[in-house]
C-alpha atoms as a PDB file:
ATOM      1  CA  MET A   1     107.174  20.290 120.702  1.00  0.00           C
ATOM      2  CA  ASP A   2     109.731  19.018 123.207  1.00  0.00           C
ATOM      3  CA  GLN A   3     109.898  19.708 126.939  1.00  0.00           C
ATOM      4  CA  THR A   4     112.797  22.169 126.672  1.00  0.00           C
ATOM      5  CA  ALA A   5     110.768  24.403 124.348  1.00  0.00           C
ATOM      6  CA  ILE A   6     107.803  24.265 126.729  1.00  0.00           C
ATOM      7  CA  ASP A   7     110.072  25.099 129.681  1.00  0.00           C
ATOM      8  CA  ALA A   8     111.539  28.060 127.788  1.00  0.00           C
ATOM      9  CA  LEU A   9     108.036  29.286 126.984  1.00  0.00           C
ATOM     10  CA  HIS A  10     107.016  28.935 130.639  1.00  0.00           C
ATOM     11  CA  GLU A  11     110.082  30.849 131.802  1.00  0.00           C
ATOM     12  CA  ASP A  12     109.382  33.659 129.355  1.00  0.00           C
ATOM     13  CA  LEU A  13     105.761  33.932 130.482  1.00  0.00           C
ATOM     14  CA  ARG A  14     106.786  33.770 134.147  1.00  0.00           C
ATOM     15  CA  GLN A  15     109.121  36.717 133.584  1.00  0.00           C
ATOM     16  CA  VAL A  16     106.368  38.670 131.816  1.00  0.00           C
ATOM     17  CA  ILE A  17     104.014  38.093 134.754  1.00  0.00           C
ATOM     18  CA  ALA A  18     106.749  39.091 137.207  1.00  0.00           C
ATOM     19  CA  ALA A  19     107.501  42.314 135.328  1.00  0.00           C
ATOM     20  CA  ARG A  20     103.916  43.363 134.680  1.00  0.00           C
ATOM     21  CA  LEU A  21     102.109  42.255 137.851  1.00  0.00           C
ATOM     22  CA  ASN A  22     104.948  42.117 140.403  1.00  0.00           C
ATOM     23  CA  VAL A  23     104.256  38.447 141.142  1.00  0.00           C
ATOM     24  CA  ARG A  24     107.282  36.435 142.146  1.00  0.00           C
ATOM     25  CA  ALA A  25     107.143  32.666 141.735  1.00  0.00           C
ATOM     26  CA  ARG A  26     109.488  29.849 140.818  1.00  0.00           C
ATOM     27  CA  SER A  27     107.315  28.435 138.049  1.00  0.00           C
ATOM     28  CA  PHE A  28     104.779  29.602 135.517  1.00  0.00           C
ATOM     29  CA  ARG A  29     101.945  27.705 137.197  1.00  0.00           C
ATOM     30  CA  GLY A  30     102.941  29.201 140.540  1.00  0.00           C
ATOM     31  CA  ALA A  31     102.934  32.682 139.028  1.00  0.00           C
ATOM     32  CA  VAL A  32      99.463  32.139 137.559  1.00  0.00           C
ATOM     33  CA  ARG A  33      98.214  30.821 140.900  1.00  0.00           C
ATOM     34  CA  LYS A  34      99.747  33.742 142.840  1.00  0.00           C
ATOM     35  CA  ALA A  35      98.490  36.341 140.374  1.00  0.00           C
ATOM     36  CA  GLY A  36      94.950  35.054 140.751  1.00  0.00           C
ATOM     37  CA  ARG A  37      92.388  37.744 139.946  1.00  0.00           C
ATOM     38  CA  ARG A  38      95.098  40.286 139.057  1.00  0.00           C
ATOM     39  CA  LEU A  39      95.672  38.280 135.904  1.00  0.00           C
ATOM     40  CA  PRO A  40      93.200  39.356 133.196  1.00  0.00           C
ATOM     41  CA  ALA A  41      90.399  36.905 132.448  1.00  0.00           C
ATOM     42  CA  ARG A  42      91.667  36.151 128.938  1.00  0.00           C
ATOM     43  CA  ALA A  43      95.134  35.400 130.313  1.00  0.00           C
ATOM     44  CA  ARG A  44      93.718  33.100 133.007  1.00  0.00           C
ATOM     45  CA  ALA A  45      91.709  31.235 130.381  1.00  0.00           C
ATOM     46  CA  ALA A  46      94.783  30.953 128.130  1.00  0.00           C
ATOM     47  CA  ALA A  47      96.843  29.623 131.061  1.00  0.00           C
ATOM     48  CA  GLY A  48      94.213  26.941 131.660  1.00  0.00           C
ATOM     49  CA  GLU A  49      94.228  26.116 127.967  1.00  0.00           C
ATOM     50  CA  MET A  50      98.029  25.798 128.065  1.00  0.00           C
ATOM     51  CA  ALA A  51      97.806  23.369 130.996  1.00  0.00           C
ATOM     52  CA  ALA A  52      95.298  21.231 129.097  1.00  0.00           C
ATOM     53  CA  LEU A  53      97.471  21.242 125.969  1.00  0.00           C
ATOM     54  CA  GLU A  54     100.555  20.277 127.969  1.00  0.00           C
ATOM     55  CA  ALA A  55      98.677  17.334 129.436  1.00  0.00           C
ATOM     56  CA  ARG A  56      97.817  16.243 125.902  1.00  0.00           C
ATOM     57  CA  LEU A  57     101.437  16.692 124.777  1.00  0.00           C
ATOM     58  CA  ALA A  58     102.616  14.426 127.618  1.00  0.00           C
ATOM     59  CA  ASN A  59     100.753  11.504 126.033  1.00  0.00           C
ATOM     60  CA  PRO A  60     102.600  10.293 122.885  1.00  0.00           C
ATOM     61  CA  LYS A  61      99.425   9.344 121.000  1.00  0.00           C
ATOM     62  CA  LEU A  62      97.675  12.610 121.769  1.00  0.00           C
ATOM     63  CA  ALA A  63     100.847  14.615 121.105  1.00  0.00           C
ATOM     64  CA  ALA A  64     100.812  13.444 117.499  1.00  0.00           C
ATOM     65  CA  ARG A  65      97.283  14.853 117.114  1.00  0.00           C
ATOM     66  CA  THR A  66      97.865  18.127 118.985  1.00  0.00           C
ATOM     67  CA  ASP A  67      98.915  21.248 117.143  1.00  0.00           C
ATOM     68  CA  PRO A  68     101.818  23.010 118.959  1.00  0.00           C
ATOM     69  CA  ALA A  69     100.659  26.291 117.415  1.00  0.00           C
ATOM     70  CA  LEU A  70      97.757  26.245 119.893  1.00  0.00           C
ATOM     71  CA  LEU A  71     100.285  26.441 122.717  1.00  0.00           C
ATOM     72  CA  HIS A  72     102.004  29.422 121.083  1.00  0.00           C
ATOM     73  CA  ARG A  73      98.639  31.087 120.454  1.00  0.00           C
ATOM     74  CA  ALA A  74      97.737  30.746 124.140  1.00  0.00           C
ATOM     75  CA  ALA A  75     101.120  32.216 125.112  1.00  0.00           C
ATOM     76  CA  ASP A  76     100.565  35.127 122.718  1.00  0.00           C
ATOM     77  CA  THR A  77      97.149  35.717 124.298  1.00  0.00           C
ATOM     78  CA  ILE A  78      98.773  35.939 127.731  1.00  0.00           C
ATOM     79  CA  ARG A  79     101.428  38.344 126.459  1.00  0.00           C
ATOM     80  CA  ALA A  80      98.847  40.510 124.696  1.00  0.00           C
ATOM     81  CA  SER A  81      96.533  40.734 127.688  1.00  0.00           C
ATOM     82  CA  LEU A  82      99.447  41.646 129.963  1.00  0.00           C
ATOM     83  CA  GLY A  83     100.711  44.173 127.433  1.00  0.00           C
ATOM     84  CA  HIS A  84      98.208  46.710 128.746  1.00  0.00           C
ATOM     85  CA  HIS A  85      99.879  46.728 132.165  1.00  0.00           C
ATOM     86  CA  PRO A  86     102.925  49.019 132.247  1.00  0.00           C
ATOM     87  CA  PRO A  87     106.014  47.241 133.598  1.00  0.00           C
ATOM     88  CA  GLY A  88     106.853  48.182 137.161  1.00  0.00           C
ATOM     89  CA  ALA A  89     103.591  50.050 137.836  1.00  0.00           C
ATOM     90  CA  ARG A  90     102.299  47.410 140.225  1.00  0.00           C
ATOM     91  CA  ALA A  91     105.627  47.317 142.101  1.00  0.00           C
ATOM     92  CA  ALA A  92     105.675  51.119 142.351  1.00  0.00           C
ATOM     93  CA  ARG A  93     102.118  51.167 143.720  1.00  0.00           C
ATOM     94  CA  ASP A  94     102.978  48.453 146.255  1.00  0.00           C
ATOM     95  CA  ARG A  95     106.016  50.461 147.406  1.00  0.00           C
ATOM     96  CA  ALA A  96     103.916  53.612 147.702  1.00  0.00           C
ATOM     97  CA  PHE A  97     101.327  51.807 149.836  1.00  0.00           C
ATOM     98  CA  LEU A  98     104.076  50.386 152.053  1.00  0.00           C
ATOM     99  CA  LEU A  99     105.653  53.808 152.570  1.00  0.00           C
ATOM    100  CA  ALA A 100     102.244  55.363 153.269  1.00  0.00           C
ATOM    101  CA  ASP A 101     101.539  52.674 155.851  1.00  0.00           C
ATOM    102  CA  ILE A 102     104.901  53.233 157.527  1.00  0.00           C
ATOM    103  CA  GLY A 103     104.345  57.008 157.499  1.00  0.00           C
ATOM    104  CA  ALA A 104     100.915  56.680 159.087  1.00  0.00           C
ATOM    105  CA  LYS A 105     102.284  54.452 161.842  1.00  0.00           C
ATOM    106  CA  VAL A 106     105.156  56.850 162.552  1.00  0.00           C
ATOM    107  CA  ALA A 107     102.689  59.754 162.728  1.00  0.00           C
ATOM    108  CA  ILE A 108     100.559  57.834 165.224  1.00  0.00           C
ATOM    109  CA  LEU A 109     103.613  57.049 167.356  1.00  0.00           C
ATOM    110  CA  LEU A 110     104.696  60.704 167.312  1.00  0.00           C
ATOM    111  CA  ALA A 111     101.211  61.851 168.295  1.00  0.00           C
ATOM    112  CA  LEU A 112     101.103  59.343 171.164  1.00  0.00           C
ATOM    113  CA  GLY A 113     104.580  60.407 172.277  1.00  0.00           C
ATOM    114  CA  LEU A 114     103.617  64.084 172.249  1.00  0.00           C
ATOM    115  CA  ALA A 115     100.405  63.327 174.144  1.00  0.00           C
ATOM    116  CA  LEU A 116     102.368  61.371 176.741  1.00  0.00           C
ATOM    117  CA  LEU A 117     104.916  64.185 177.036  1.00  0.00           C
ATOM    118  CA  HIS A 118     102.150  66.768 177.418  1.00  0.00           C
ATOM    119  CA  TRP A 119     100.452  64.635 180.095  1.00  0.00           C
ATOM    120  CA  GLN A 120     103.726  64.072 182.012  1.00  0.00           C
ATOM    121  CA  THR A 121     104.682  67.742 182.049  1.00  0.00           C
ATOM    122  CA  GLY A 122     101.229  68.777 183.247  1.00  0.00           C
ATOM    123  CA  GLY A 123     100.817  71.260 180.438  1.00  0.00           C
END
């Protein structure tokens, strides 16, 4: 398996992680690192397995003895474990939390403003 095929596989998996978990990163390893515990345990283990296999594929002698199907099997494991997460759900929840936070802060500011106005008018 050549480096361009591995890079294409990494890009595909990075896009899957970005769509399912709302994790933005420039590389697959960065996406796995940023996802952290949000990434299912099987997917984290498969990502570690992929890193070990890529290290073996970098060595010419070990590359001849390494089955590239193991790399594809690890990628399929990552895709399958992320398949249970609906695309965009994490991003929607993050937006909802942001809007709720903004709304709570605006409500606090309005309450403080009304209290200040009430105190100033002597009412």
